[in-house]
Structure formats: structure tokens, C-alpha cells
Amino acid sequence: MFLSRNPMEMNDTSNSPDASKLGQVSDLITATNVHEMGQVADLIAPRPSISRTLMSPDRLLLLRLLHEHVDILSNKEPSLVHIKRRVWQQILNSYHEQPGVEQRTMRQIQKYWENYKTRRKKNIEQGMTLAELLSEDIKEMEEYFVNAEPKVDIPEKYKDFMKATDQVNHIKEEIANQDLDGSVEYEGHINGDEPAASFLDTSDGQTRSSIKAKGPPGLYKLSEIDIIPICHLKRQSGDVNQNLVKKPKIETAEAYYDLKIQHEMERFQIEKQLFAQKLECMKKKHEKEMESFNYEMAWKQEAHEMEMTVLKQKLQKNS
């Protein structure tokens, strides 16, 4: 049975099943407040193009909010539907009030909650409650953030320098900890040429270092010499260790940061020049657009004057 478009005919079908259904829908719409209609509009509206995954700080924040209302959210009584809606809206508002979080819709928050319960289904079947699971996960994430070391972003061109510095420090520690009767020799090479200097370290109670240069005094600098271990344990074995450890060109952390600041300033100057060029192009483009606009307006004004002249002539002839 189809409903008629005539209001009088609709009144005649008041006792039909379709009319009772329409009455129920009307009562439901009347009982729904404006706030709930806003939630329906939020669900119908297209979702923004944002990432679906939550970052670790956002996930921790959301778990804390869900833990506060886990008793209501885990309750399946039909009488708490309206209360659940208000709780979800409160969670969403509290989440967005935090600085630095990415905007999310209520559907995405609820989907994360459903996925969380699915992942923890085995633990729930073993007898653990959602409140206990949330507390455990929150505690674990908090310990991770407290104990995690800050990640240092080292440029690619400085990684070799940092690696060489670590190797040199490791060799120094090994030399200091050796308790040998003999000695450990190191030779310095410059660009693969003949040995320029040799360093002799002994462990007879005192540590002495001597440099035997084959060139004139002051010809070679220590920063230009690559250190090559010649014999690790001279008294045990005469084998030569060919592991090459390059002397870093940057000696101190201060020089490294000065170089980093210099690169940042160069990058800033380049960006400044590019911005100035872009601004100049925008000005030229604007001037051309204004010139074209003025020319078009002058042409339209001239055409309008010609049309008015023709109309005046026609009026004079008719009169």
C-alpha cells in the first residue's frame, strides 16, 4: 500500500500500519534533541582526509579518557543509550581540547574503541575486565615515555664522523686498559703515503707517547694524520691489524654545532632569496593583471559611450 500525496487521503489512512510507523518516526524525531541531531549530522558528513592511525601520545590520551568512562561504555543496557551518546561527545570534546592532537570524528574514536576490544578479546575471555586492561596499557605506555631516550636526528654527512669518533675512543680505552709487558705501536699515514709518524705507548707503570716524524718539524699536523693500528698485541703475535680508523676532521662538538649553524644560515639565506624572487614575480603578475583590467574597463566604457550615442540618435529620429 502506497501513501497518497493528497493530505486528505493521508488522513483517511490513519488506521493503516504505515500510519502507525509514521507516528513512531514522528515521536522519535520529536524526542531527539538538537545536540543529538548534531551528532547525526557529524556522522553523515564526509570524514576529513586525515590519517587513520593514532600517534603514541594521542593513543595514550585517548586511553586515559576511555578509562574514565569505561563503566558506562562497557554497559550494554538499552536504557543507557542517551547517556552513552553524551559520554562519547564529552570524550571527543576533551580529546580535542588538548594541544597538538589531530582532529578526529566521533566515528573514528568509536572505531578505535571497537578495535581495542577486538584486540583484547583473548584477555577478556580469560577473565580480565576492560578497566584492568586499560590500566595496564596506560601504565606500560607511561613507562615507555618516561624511560625512552630522546631521538637525536643526526645528518647523514655527520654519521661517518660520529662513527670514527666512537672508534677512536674505543681504541683509547683498550690502550688504557691493557696490562702488557711490551708495547703497542701505531703509525700515522697521510693520504696513503709513507708513514709520517709513529706513536709508542708502553705499560710499565707509566704511559708515554713519542712522535717520530720522517719529515721536517712542523710539516705534518696531528689532525691531518690517519691512525692505523700496526700491532695490537706485539708480544703475543706479530700479525698486522689492517683496520683503518680515520681521524675526524672536526675535533670538537663546538665546531660541529658552529658548522651546523652555518648551514642553517645558508639555508635561511637561500629561502629568503627564493621568497624575494617569488614576491617580485607576484608583483609583476599583479601589475600585468591591473594593466589588463584597466584596458578592459576603458574599452567597455568606450563601447558604452558609442551605444549611448546610437540610442540618442534613434530617439531624436523618432521624436
C-alpha atoms as a PDB file:
ATOM      1  CA  MET A   1       0.000   0.000   0.000  1.00  0.00           C
ATOM      2  CA  PHE A   2       1.463   3.314  -1.126  1.00  0.00           C
ATOM      3  CA  LEU A   3       0.879   6.624   0.607  1.00  0.00           C
ATOM      4  CA  SER A   4      -1.003   9.260  -1.319  1.00  0.00           C
ATOM      5  CA  ARG A   5       0.349  12.761  -1.851  1.00  0.00           C
ATOM      6  CA  ASN A   6      -3.061  14.266  -1.000  1.00  0.00           C
ATOM      7  CA  PRO A   7      -3.312  15.388   2.687  1.00  0.00           C
ATOM      8  CA  MET A   8      -6.982  14.430   2.810  1.00  0.00           C
ATOM      9  CA  GLU A   9      -6.173  10.908   1.676  1.00  0.00           C
ATOM     10  CA  MET A  10      -3.428  10.669   4.263  1.00  0.00           C
ATOM     11  CA  ASN A  11      -5.961  11.441   6.993  1.00  0.00           C
ATOM     12  CA  ASP A  12      -8.075   8.559   5.779  1.00  0.00           C
ATOM     13  CA  THR A  13      -5.201   6.115   6.276  1.00  0.00           C
ATOM     14  CA  SER A  14      -4.760   6.903   9.963  1.00  0.00           C
ATOM     15  CA  ASN A  15      -5.619   3.343  10.958  1.00  0.00           C
ATOM     16  CA  SER A  16      -3.203   1.721   8.496  1.00  0.00           C
ATOM     17  CA  PRO A  17       0.109   0.101   9.557  1.00  0.00           C
ATOM     18  CA  ASP A  18       2.057   2.685   7.573  1.00  0.00           C
ATOM     19  CA  ALA A  19       0.434   5.479   9.546  1.00  0.00           C
ATOM     20  CA  SER A  20       1.445   3.877  12.836  1.00  0.00           C
ATOM     21  CA  LYS A  21       5.020   3.617  11.575  1.00  0.00           C
ATOM     22  CA  LEU A  22       4.955   7.275  10.599  1.00  0.00           C
ATOM     23  CA  GLY A  23       3.693   8.143  14.072  1.00  0.00           C
ATOM     24  CA  GLN A  24       6.561   6.267  15.689  1.00  0.00           C
ATOM     25  CA  VAL A  25       9.092   8.041  13.474  1.00  0.00           C
ATOM     26  CA  SER A  26       7.500  11.394  14.304  1.00  0.00           C
ATOM     27  CA  ASP A  27       7.689  10.682  18.037  1.00  0.00           C
ATOM     28  CA  LEU A  28      11.327   9.627  17.682  1.00  0.00           C
ATOM     29  CA  ILE A  29      12.236  12.841  15.871  1.00  0.00           C
ATOM     30  CA  THR A  30      10.390  14.905  18.467  1.00  0.00           C
ATOM     31  CA  ALA A  31      12.211  13.174  21.326  1.00  0.00           C
ATOM     32  CA  THR A  32      15.612  13.721  19.716  1.00  0.00           C
ATOM     33  CA  ASN A  33      17.156  16.977  20.869  1.00  0.00           C
ATOM     34  CA  VAL A  34      19.270  19.371  18.844  1.00  0.00           C
ATOM     35  CA  HIS A  35      22.508  18.058  20.306  1.00  0.00           C
ATOM     36  CA  GLU A  36      21.809  14.524  19.124  1.00  0.00           C
ATOM     37  CA  MET A  37      20.823  15.784  15.679  1.00  0.00           C
ATOM     38  CA  GLY A  38      24.213  17.453  15.519  1.00  0.00           C
ATOM     39  CA  GLN A  39      25.823  14.085  16.205  1.00  0.00           C
ATOM     40  CA  VAL A  40      23.816  12.517  13.380  1.00  0.00           C
ATOM     41  CA  ALA A  41      24.944  15.304  11.060  1.00  0.00           C
ATOM     42  CA  ASP A  42      28.535  14.691  12.125  1.00  0.00           C
ATOM     43  CA  LEU A  43      28.203  11.018  11.247  1.00  0.00           C
ATOM     44  CA  ILE A  44      26.564  11.733   7.871  1.00  0.00           C
ATOM     45  CA  ALA A  45      29.079  14.422   6.910  1.00  0.00           C
ATOM     46  CA  PRO A  46      32.103  13.253   4.904  1.00  0.00           C
ATOM     47  CA  ARG A  47      35.135  12.464   7.013  1.00  0.00           C
ATOM     48  CA  PRO A  48      38.157  14.741   6.621  1.00  0.00           C
ATOM     49  CA  SER A  49      41.223  13.426   4.822  1.00  0.00           C
ATOM     50  CA  ILE A  50      43.360  12.663   7.891  1.00  0.00           C
ATOM     51  CA  SER A  51      45.476   9.692   8.848  1.00  0.00           C
ATOM     52  CA  ARG A  52      43.631   6.746  10.375  1.00  0.00           C
ATOM     53  CA  THR A  53      46.392   5.709  12.753  1.00  0.00           C
ATOM     54  CA  LEU A  54      46.887   7.368  16.123  1.00  0.00           C
ATOM     55  CA  MET A  55      50.288   8.555  17.256  1.00  0.00           C
ATOM     56  CA  SER A  56      51.564   7.232  20.584  1.00  0.00           C
ATOM     57  CA  PRO A  57      50.823  10.424  22.621  1.00  0.00           C
ATOM     58  CA  ASP A  58      47.320  10.661  21.111  1.00  0.00           C
ATOM     59  CA  ARG A  59      46.723   6.982  21.836  1.00  0.00           C
ATOM     60  CA  LEU A  60      47.769   7.438  25.460  1.00  0.00           C
ATOM     61  CA  LEU A  61      45.459  10.436  25.835  1.00  0.00           C
ATOM     62  CA  LEU A  62      42.519   8.534  24.345  1.00  0.00           C
ATOM     63  CA  LEU A  63      43.128   5.512  26.582  1.00  0.00           C
ATOM     64  CA  ARG A  64      43.030   7.754  29.640  1.00  0.00           C
ATOM     65  CA  LEU A  65      39.704   9.282  28.539  1.00  0.00           C
ATOM     66  CA  LEU A  66      38.219   5.861  27.810  1.00  0.00           C
ATOM     67  CA  HIS A  67      39.387   4.567  31.185  1.00  0.00           C
ATOM     68  CA  GLU A  68      37.461   7.341  32.951  1.00  0.00           C
ATOM     69  CA  HIS A  69      34.146   6.243  31.364  1.00  0.00           C
ATOM     70  CA  VAL A  70      34.805   2.532  30.834  1.00  0.00           C
ATOM     71  CA  ASP A  71      31.969   1.504  33.199  1.00  0.00           C
ATOM     72  CA  ILE A  72      29.342   3.285  31.096  1.00  0.00           C
ATOM     73  CA  LEU A  73      30.841   2.367  27.715  1.00  0.00           C
ATOM     74  CA  SER A  74      31.025  -1.341  28.580  1.00  0.00           C
ATOM     75  CA  ASN A  75      27.423  -1.413  29.851  1.00  0.00           C
ATOM     76  CA  LYS A  76      25.016  -2.929  27.300  1.00  0.00           C
ATOM     77  CA  GLU A  77      21.683  -1.882  28.839  1.00  0.00           C
ATOM     78  CA  PRO A  78      19.346  -0.217  26.289  1.00  0.00           C
ATOM     79  CA  SER A  79      18.275   2.429  28.799  1.00  0.00           C
ATOM     80  CA  LEU A  80      21.784   3.975  28.760  1.00  0.00           C
ATOM     81  CA  VAL A  81      21.854   4.798  25.037  1.00  0.00           C
ATOM     82  CA  HIS A  82      21.352   8.534  25.536  1.00  0.00           C
ATOM     83  CA  ILE A  83      23.883   8.625  28.365  1.00  0.00           C
ATOM     84  CA  LYS A  84      26.431   6.845  26.163  1.00  0.00           C
ATOM     85  CA  ARG A  85      25.940   9.424  23.432  1.00  0.00           C
ATOM     86  CA  ARG A  86      26.625  12.256  25.848  1.00  0.00           C
ATOM     87  CA  VAL A  87      29.684  10.414  27.193  1.00  0.00           C
ATOM     88  CA  TRP A  88      31.079   9.927  23.681  1.00  0.00           C
ATOM     89  CA  GLN A  89      30.575  13.611  22.951  1.00  0.00           C
ATOM     90  CA  GLN A  90      32.326  14.500  26.223  1.00  0.00           C
ATOM     91  CA  ILE A  91      35.275  12.232  25.314  1.00  0.00           C
ATOM     92  CA  LEU A  92      35.519  13.803  21.871  1.00  0.00           C
ATOM     93  CA  ASN A  93      35.474  17.343  23.279  1.00  0.00           C
ATOM     94  CA  SER A  94      38.070  16.517  25.954  1.00  0.00           C
ATOM     95  CA  TYR A  95      40.298  14.927  23.310  1.00  0.00           C
ATOM     96  CA  HIS A  96      40.177  17.994  21.039  1.00  0.00           C
ATOM     97  CA  GLU A  97      40.833  20.378  23.933  1.00  0.00           C
ATOM     98  CA  GLN A  98      44.365  19.001  24.288  1.00  0.00           C
ATOM     99  CA  PRO A  99      47.018  20.952  22.328  1.00  0.00           C
ATOM    100  CA  GLY A 100      48.743  19.336  19.384  1.00  0.00           C
ATOM    101  CA  VAL A 101      46.277  16.497  18.751  1.00  0.00           C
ATOM    102  CA  GLU A 102      44.958  15.693  15.300  1.00  0.00           C
ATOM    103  CA  GLN A 103      41.262  16.306  14.692  1.00  0.00           C
ATOM    104  CA  ARG A 104      39.114  13.167  14.834  1.00  0.00           C
ATOM    105  CA  THR A 105      35.457  12.415  14.337  1.00  0.00           C
ATOM    106  CA  MET A 106      33.259  10.531  16.767  1.00  0.00           C
ATOM    107  CA  ARG A 107      33.051   7.592  14.380  1.00  0.00           C
ATOM    108  CA  GLN A 108      36.836   7.258  14.344  1.00  0.00           C
ATOM    109  CA  ILE A 109      37.006   7.349  18.167  1.00  0.00           C
ATOM    110  CA  GLN A 110      34.312   4.690  18.456  1.00  0.00           C
ATOM    111  CA  LYS A 111      36.032   2.556  15.790  1.00  0.00           C
ATOM    112  CA  TYR A 112      39.279   2.698  17.782  1.00  0.00           C
ATOM    113  CA  TRP A 113      37.370   1.529  20.888  1.00  0.00           C
ATOM    114  CA  GLU A 114      35.845  -1.410  18.986  1.00  0.00           C
ATOM    115  CA  ASN A 115      39.242  -2.391  17.558  1.00  0.00           C
ATOM    116  CA  TYR A 116      40.770  -2.202  21.028  1.00  0.00           C
ATOM    117  CA  LYS A 117      38.155  -4.603  22.422  1.00  0.00           C
ATOM    118  CA  THR A 118      38.735  -6.939  19.470  1.00  0.00           C
ATOM    119  CA  ARG A 119      42.497  -6.989  20.062  1.00  0.00           C
ATOM    120  CA  ARG A 120      41.945  -7.694  23.765  1.00  0.00           C
ATOM    121  CA  LYS A 121      39.282 -10.345  23.212  1.00  0.00           C
ATOM    122  CA  LYS A 122      41.526 -13.179  24.440  1.00  0.00           C
ATOM    123  CA  ASN A 123      42.340 -11.329  27.669  1.00  0.00           C
ATOM    124  CA  ILE A 124      38.641 -10.619  28.247  1.00  0.00           C
ATOM    125  CA  GLU A 125      37.803 -14.296  27.779  1.00  0.00           C
ATOM    126  CA  GLN A 126      40.429 -15.152  30.408  1.00  0.00           C
ATOM    127  CA  GLY A 127      38.549 -13.073  32.971  1.00  0.00           C
ATOM    128  CA  MET A 128      40.207  -9.655  32.806  1.00  0.00           C
ATOM    129  CA  THR A 129      37.963  -6.585  32.709  1.00  0.00           C
ATOM    130  CA  LEU A 130      38.303  -3.675  30.304  1.00  0.00           C
ATOM    131  CA  ALA A 131      39.215  -1.368  33.190  1.00  0.00           C
ATOM    132  CA  GLU A 132      42.142  -3.632  34.165  1.00  0.00           C
ATOM    133  CA  LEU A 133      43.325  -3.870  30.548  1.00  0.00           C
ATOM    134  CA  LEU A 134      43.192  -0.095  30.092  1.00  0.00           C
ATOM    135  CA  SER A 135      45.085   0.476  33.338  1.00  0.00           C
ATOM    136  CA  GLU A 136      47.769  -2.000  32.282  1.00  0.00           C
ATOM    137  CA  ASP A 137      48.209  -0.434  28.832  1.00  0.00           C
ATOM    138  CA  ILE A 138      48.270   3.120  30.222  1.00  0.00           C
ATOM    139  CA  LYS A 139      50.931   2.173  32.773  1.00  0.00           C
ATOM    140  CA  GLU A 140      53.039   0.462  30.110  1.00  0.00           C
ATOM    141  CA  MET A 141      52.882   3.457  27.754  1.00  0.00           C
ATOM    142  CA  GLU A 142      53.689   5.919  30.547  1.00  0.00           C
ATOM    143  CA  GLU A 143      56.774   3.890  31.497  1.00  0.00           C
ATOM    144  CA  TYR A 144      57.819   3.850  27.846  1.00  0.00           C
ATOM    145  CA  PHE A 145      57.609   7.639  27.557  1.00  0.00           C
ATOM    146  CA  VAL A 146      59.463   8.160  30.835  1.00  0.00           C
ATOM    147  CA  ASN A 147      62.298   5.724  30.104  1.00  0.00           C
ATOM    148  CA  ALA A 148      62.604   6.278  26.363  1.00  0.00           C
ATOM    149  CA  GLU A 149      65.704   8.152  25.295  1.00  0.00           C
ATOM    150  CA  PRO A 150      65.158  11.228  23.129  1.00  0.00           C
ATOM    151  CA  LYS A 151      65.805  10.541  19.466  1.00  0.00           C
ATOM    152  CA  VAL A 152      68.595  12.694  18.063  1.00  0.00           C
ATOM    153  CA  ASP A 153      68.371  13.445  14.363  1.00  0.00           C
ATOM    154  CA  ILE A 154      71.955  13.281  13.083  1.00  0.00           C
ATOM    155  CA  PRO A 155      72.530  14.400   9.485  1.00  0.00           C
ATOM    156  CA  GLU A 156      73.769  11.718   7.113  1.00  0.00           C
ATOM    157  CA  LYS A 157      77.028  13.528   6.378  1.00  0.00           C
ATOM    158  CA  TYR A 158      77.963  13.539  10.101  1.00  0.00           C
ATOM    159  CA  LYS A 159      77.326   9.826  10.744  1.00  0.00           C
ATOM    160  CA  ASP A 160      80.788   8.815   9.497  1.00  0.00           C
ATOM    161  CA  PHE A 161      82.310  11.452  11.751  1.00  0.00           C
ATOM    162  CA  MET A 162      80.418  10.167  14.792  1.00  0.00           C
ATOM    163  CA  LYS A 163      81.359   6.554  13.959  1.00  0.00           C
ATOM    164  CA  ALA A 164      85.054   7.435  13.596  1.00  0.00           C
ATOM    165  CA  THR A 165      84.983   9.311  16.905  1.00  0.00           C
ATOM    166  CA  ASP A 166      83.500   6.271  18.669  1.00  0.00           C
ATOM    167  CA  GLN A 167      86.181   4.007  17.183  1.00  0.00           C
ATOM    168  CA  VAL A 168      88.995   6.324  18.294  1.00  0.00           C
ATOM    169  CA  ASN A 169      87.570   6.468  21.829  1.00  0.00           C
ATOM    170  CA  HIS A 170      87.264   2.669  21.858  1.00  0.00           C
ATOM    171  CA  ILE A 171      90.944   2.277  20.877  1.00  0.00           C
ATOM    172  CA  LYS A 172      91.979   4.741  23.595  1.00  0.00           C
ATOM    173  CA  GLU A 173      90.039   2.750  26.188  1.00  0.00           C
ATOM    174  CA  GLU A 174      91.646  -0.503  25.039  1.00  0.00           C
ATOM    175  CA  ILE A 175      95.144   1.025  25.279  1.00  0.00           C
ATOM    176  CA  ALA A 176      94.418   2.396  28.758  1.00  0.00           C
ATOM    177  CA  ASN A 177      93.127  -0.969  29.976  1.00  0.00           C
ATOM    178  CA  GLN A 178      95.953  -3.087  28.548  1.00  0.00           C
ATOM    179  CA  ASP A 179      98.399  -4.580  31.048  1.00  0.00           C
ATOM    180  CA  LEU A 180     101.240  -5.519  28.723  1.00  0.00           C
ATOM    181  CA  ASP A 181     104.963  -6.019  29.221  1.00  0.00           C
ATOM    182  CA  GLY A 182     105.727  -4.920  25.705  1.00  0.00           C
ATOM    183  CA  SER A 183     104.358  -2.044  23.709  1.00  0.00           C
ATOM    184  CA  VAL A 184     101.658  -1.240  21.176  1.00  0.00           C
ATOM    185  CA  GLU A 185     102.725   0.727  18.129  1.00  0.00           C
ATOM    186  CA  TYR A 186     100.655   2.944  15.857  1.00  0.00           C
ATOM    187  CA  GLU A 187     101.812   4.530  12.620  1.00  0.00           C
ATOM    188  CA  GLY A 188     100.338   7.584  11.005  1.00  0.00           C
ATOM    189  CA  HIS A 189      99.781   7.742   7.245  1.00  0.00           C
ATOM    190  CA  ILE A 190      98.871  10.794   5.185  1.00  0.00           C
ATOM    191  CA  ASN A 191      96.719  10.116   2.109  1.00  0.00           C
ATOM    192  CA  GLY A 192      98.153   6.587   1.767  1.00  0.00           C
ATOM    193  CA  ASP A 193     101.817   7.751   1.556  1.00  0.00           C
ATOM    194  CA  GLU A 194     104.755   6.533   3.587  1.00  0.00           C
ATOM    195  CA  PRO A 195     104.499   6.609   7.388  1.00  0.00           C
ATOM    196  CA  ALA A 196     104.880  10.141   8.687  1.00  0.00           C
ATOM    197  CA  ALA A 197     104.923   9.455  12.446  1.00  0.00           C
ATOM    198  CA  SER A 198     104.786   6.588  14.916  1.00  0.00           C
ATOM    199  CA  PHE A 199     103.210   6.610  18.367  1.00  0.00           C
ATOM    200  CA  LEU A 200     104.696   4.337  21.063  1.00  0.00           C
ATOM    201  CA  ASP A 201     102.605   3.511  24.132  1.00  0.00           C
ATOM    202  CA  THR A 202     104.141   1.399  26.936  1.00  0.00           C
ATOM    203  CA  SER A 203     102.504  -0.031  30.013  1.00  0.00           C
ATOM    204  CA  ASP A 204     105.396  -0.222  32.504  1.00  0.00           C
ATOM    205  CA  GLY A 205     103.535   1.731  35.164  1.00  0.00           C
ATOM    206  CA  GLN A 206     103.705   4.948  33.178  1.00  0.00           C
ATOM    207  CA  THR A 207     102.196   5.852  29.833  1.00  0.00           C
ATOM    208  CA  ARG A 208     104.476   7.691  27.430  1.00  0.00           C
ATOM    209  CA  SER A 209     103.850   8.797  23.862  1.00  0.00           C
ATOM    210  CA  SER A 210     106.501   9.775  21.377  1.00  0.00           C
ATOM    211  CA  ILE A 211     106.259  11.003  17.780  1.00  0.00           C
ATOM    212  CA  LYS A 212     108.923  10.024  15.247  1.00  0.00           C
ATOM    213  CA  ALA A 213     108.367  12.243  12.213  1.00  0.00           C
ATOM    214  CA  LYS A 214     110.182  11.455   8.968  1.00  0.00           C
ATOM    215  CA  GLY A 215     109.787  14.989   7.589  1.00  0.00           C
ATOM    216  CA  PRO A 216     110.982  18.354   8.824  1.00  0.00           C
ATOM    217  CA  PRO A 217     109.492  19.634  12.139  1.00  0.00           C
ATOM    218  CA  GLY A 218     106.009  21.190  11.782  1.00  0.00           C
ATOM    219  CA  LEU A 219     105.413  19.629   8.372  1.00  0.00           C
ATOM    220  CA  TYR A 220     102.531  17.439   9.485  1.00  0.00           C
ATOM    221  CA  LYS A 221      99.665  18.267  11.819  1.00  0.00           C
ATOM    222  CA  LEU A 222      98.055  15.713  14.083  1.00  0.00           C
ATOM    223  CA  SER A 223      94.582  16.459  12.640  1.00  0.00           C
ATOM    224  CA  GLU A 224      95.841  15.502   9.146  1.00  0.00           C
ATOM    225  CA  ILE A 225      97.116  12.042  10.220  1.00  0.00           C
ATOM    226  CA  ASP A 226      95.044   8.859   9.904  1.00  0.00           C
ATOM    227  CA  ILE A 227      95.667   6.422  12.755  1.00  0.00           C
ATOM    228  CA  ILE A 228      96.302   2.790  11.712  1.00  0.00           C
ATOM    229  CA  PRO A 229      96.846   0.065  14.348  1.00  0.00           C
ATOM    230  CA  ILE A 230     100.069  -1.774  13.418  1.00  0.00           C
ATOM    231  CA  CYS A 231     100.240  -4.387  16.170  1.00  0.00           C
ATOM    232  CA  HIS A 232      97.502  -4.952  18.725  1.00  0.00           C
ATOM    233  CA  LEU A 233      99.451  -7.309  20.970  1.00  0.00           C
ATOM    234  CA  LYS A 234     103.082  -7.230  19.917  1.00  0.00           C
ATOM    235  CA  ARG A 235     104.355  -9.743  22.434  1.00  0.00           C
ATOM    236  CA  GLN A 236     101.695 -12.366  21.609  1.00  0.00           C
ATOM    237  CA  SER A 237     101.524 -12.143  17.852  1.00  0.00           C
ATOM    238  CA  GLY A 238     103.320 -10.341  15.083  1.00  0.00           C
ATOM    239  CA  ASP A 239     100.244 -10.182  12.830  1.00  0.00           C
ATOM    240  CA  VAL A 240      99.328  -6.770  11.493  1.00  0.00           C
ATOM    241  CA  ASN A 241      95.835  -5.401  12.096  1.00  0.00           C
ATOM    242  CA  GLN A 242      94.685  -3.574   8.983  1.00  0.00           C
ATOM    243  CA  ASN A 243      91.553  -1.965  10.443  1.00  0.00           C
ATOM    244  CA  LEU A 244      91.635   1.660   9.383  1.00  0.00           C
ATOM    245  CA  VAL A 245      90.369   4.301  11.816  1.00  0.00           C
ATOM    246  CA  LYS A 246      90.224   7.758  10.291  1.00  0.00           C
ATOM    247  CA  LYS A 247      90.940  10.785  12.396  1.00  0.00           C
ATOM    248  CA  PRO A 248      87.858  13.011  12.386  1.00  0.00           C
ATOM    249  CA  LYS A 249      88.248  16.345  10.644  1.00  0.00           C
ATOM    250  CA  ILE A 250      86.009  18.070  13.181  1.00  0.00           C
ATOM    251  CA  GLU A 251      87.742  17.962  16.534  1.00  0.00           C
ATOM    252  CA  THR A 252      85.145  19.273  18.977  1.00  0.00           C
ATOM    253  CA  ALA A 253      81.389  19.394  19.398  1.00  0.00           C
ATOM    254  CA  GLU A 254      81.605  23.189  19.348  1.00  0.00           C
ATOM    255  CA  ALA A 255      82.988  23.126  15.808  1.00  0.00           C
ATOM    256  CA  TYR A 256      80.233  20.681  14.807  1.00  0.00           C
ATOM    257  CA  TYR A 257      77.479  22.973  16.077  1.00  0.00           C
ATOM    258  CA  ASP A 258      79.166  26.025  14.508  1.00  0.00           C
ATOM    259  CA  LEU A 259      79.136  24.194  11.201  1.00  0.00           C
ATOM    260  CA  LYS A 260      75.511  23.215  11.707  1.00  0.00           C
ATOM    261  CA  ILE A 261      74.547  26.844  12.456  1.00  0.00           C
ATOM    262  CA  GLN A 262      76.449  27.959   9.370  1.00  0.00           C
ATOM    263  CA  HIS A 263      74.491  25.516   7.218  1.00  0.00           C
ATOM    264  CA  GLU A 264      71.232  26.709   8.755  1.00  0.00           C
ATOM    265  CA  MET A 265      72.131  30.317   7.994  1.00  0.00           C
ATOM    266  CA  GLU A 266      72.994  29.419   4.406  1.00  0.00           C
ATOM    267  CA  ARG A 267      69.682  27.628   4.021  1.00  0.00           C
ATOM    268  CA  PHE A 268      67.878  30.632   5.520  1.00  0.00           C
ATOM    269  CA  GLN A 269      69.588  32.981   3.073  1.00  0.00           C
ATOM    270  CA  ILE A 270      68.612  30.764   0.140  1.00  0.00           C
ATOM    271  CA  GLU A 271      64.992  30.600   1.318  1.00  0.00           C
ATOM    272  CA  LYS A 272      65.000  34.369   1.779  1.00  0.00           C
ATOM    273  CA  GLN A 273      66.244  34.896  -1.780  1.00  0.00           C
ATOM    274  CA  LEU A 274      63.652  32.495  -3.164  1.00  0.00           C
ATOM    275  CA  PHE A 275      60.909  34.286  -1.241  1.00  0.00           C
ATOM    276  CA  ALA A 276      62.072  37.650  -2.584  1.00  0.00           C
ATOM    277  CA  GLN A 277      62.036  36.280  -6.132  1.00  0.00           C
ATOM    278  CA  LYS A 278      58.586  34.830  -5.636  1.00  0.00           C
ATOM    279  CA  LEU A 279      57.322  38.139  -4.220  1.00  0.00           C
ATOM    280  CA  GLU A 280      58.776  40.012  -7.194  1.00  0.00           C
ATOM    281  CA  CYS A 281      57.046  37.628  -9.616  1.00  0.00           C
ATOM    282  CA  MET A 282      53.753  38.107  -7.779  1.00  0.00           C
ATOM    283  CA  LYS A 283      54.114  41.883  -8.022  1.00  0.00           C
ATOM    284  CA  LYS A 284      54.811  41.712 -11.753  1.00  0.00           C
ATOM    285  CA  LYS A 285      51.856  39.396 -12.264  1.00  0.00           C
ATOM    286  CA  HIS A 286      49.606  41.752 -10.299  1.00  0.00           C
ATOM    287  CA  GLU A 287      50.772  44.748 -12.352  1.00  0.00           C
ATOM    288  CA  LYS A 288      50.000  42.901 -15.595  1.00  0.00           C
ATOM    289  CA  GLU A 289      46.575  41.926 -14.313  1.00  0.00           C
ATOM    290  CA  MET A 290      45.797  45.528 -13.303  1.00  0.00           C
ATOM    291  CA  GLU A 291      47.006  46.789 -16.674  1.00  0.00           C
ATOM    292  CA  SER A 292      44.788  44.299 -18.484  1.00  0.00           C
ATOM    293  CA  PHE A 293      41.856  45.179 -16.208  1.00  0.00           C
ATOM    294  CA  ASN A 294      42.263  48.924 -16.841  1.00  0.00           C
ATOM    295  CA  TYR A 295      42.474  48.322 -20.578  1.00  0.00           C
ATOM    296  CA  GLU A 296      39.309  46.207 -20.489  1.00  0.00           C
ATOM    297  CA  MET A 297      37.431  48.806 -18.449  1.00  0.00           C
ATOM    298  CA  ALA A 298      38.465  51.577 -20.856  1.00  0.00           C
ATOM    299  CA  TRP A 299      37.304  49.505 -23.805  1.00  0.00           C
ATOM    300  CA  LYS A 300      33.947  48.777 -22.139  1.00  0.00           C
ATOM    301  CA  GLN A 301      33.465  52.449 -21.289  1.00  0.00           C
ATOM    302  CA  GLU A 302      34.165  53.436 -24.894  1.00  0.00           C
ATOM    303  CA  ALA A 303      31.716  50.814 -26.183  1.00  0.00           C
ATOM    304  CA  HIS A 304      29.093  52.046 -23.726  1.00  0.00           C
ATOM    305  CA  GLU A 305      29.516  55.625 -24.898  1.00  0.00           C
ATOM    306  CA  MET A 306      29.098  54.519 -28.530  1.00  0.00           C
ATOM    307  CA  GLU A 307      25.911  52.641 -27.660  1.00  0.00           C
ATOM    308  CA  MET A 308      24.513  55.668 -25.826  1.00  0.00           C
ATOM    309  CA  THR A 309      25.290  57.873 -28.835  1.00  0.00           C
ATOM    310  CA  VAL A 310      23.424  55.482 -31.155  1.00  0.00           C
ATOM    311  CA  LEU A 311      20.427  55.406 -28.823  1.00  0.00           C
ATOM    312  CA  LYS A 312      20.282  59.222 -28.645  1.00  0.00           C
ATOM    313  CA  GLN A 313      20.305  59.423 -32.438  1.00  0.00           C
ATOM    314  CA  LYS A 314      17.436  56.910 -32.639  1.00  0.00           C
ATOM    315  CA  LEU A 315      15.432  58.883 -30.077  1.00  0.00           C
ATOM    316  CA  GLN A 316      15.955  62.108 -31.994  1.00  0.00           C
ATOM    317  CA  LYS A 317      14.734  60.469 -35.227  1.00  0.00           C
ATOM    318  CA  ASN A 318      11.640  59.054 -33.545  1.00  0.00           C
ATOM    319  CA  SER A 319      10.773  62.359 -31.956  1.00  0.00           C
END
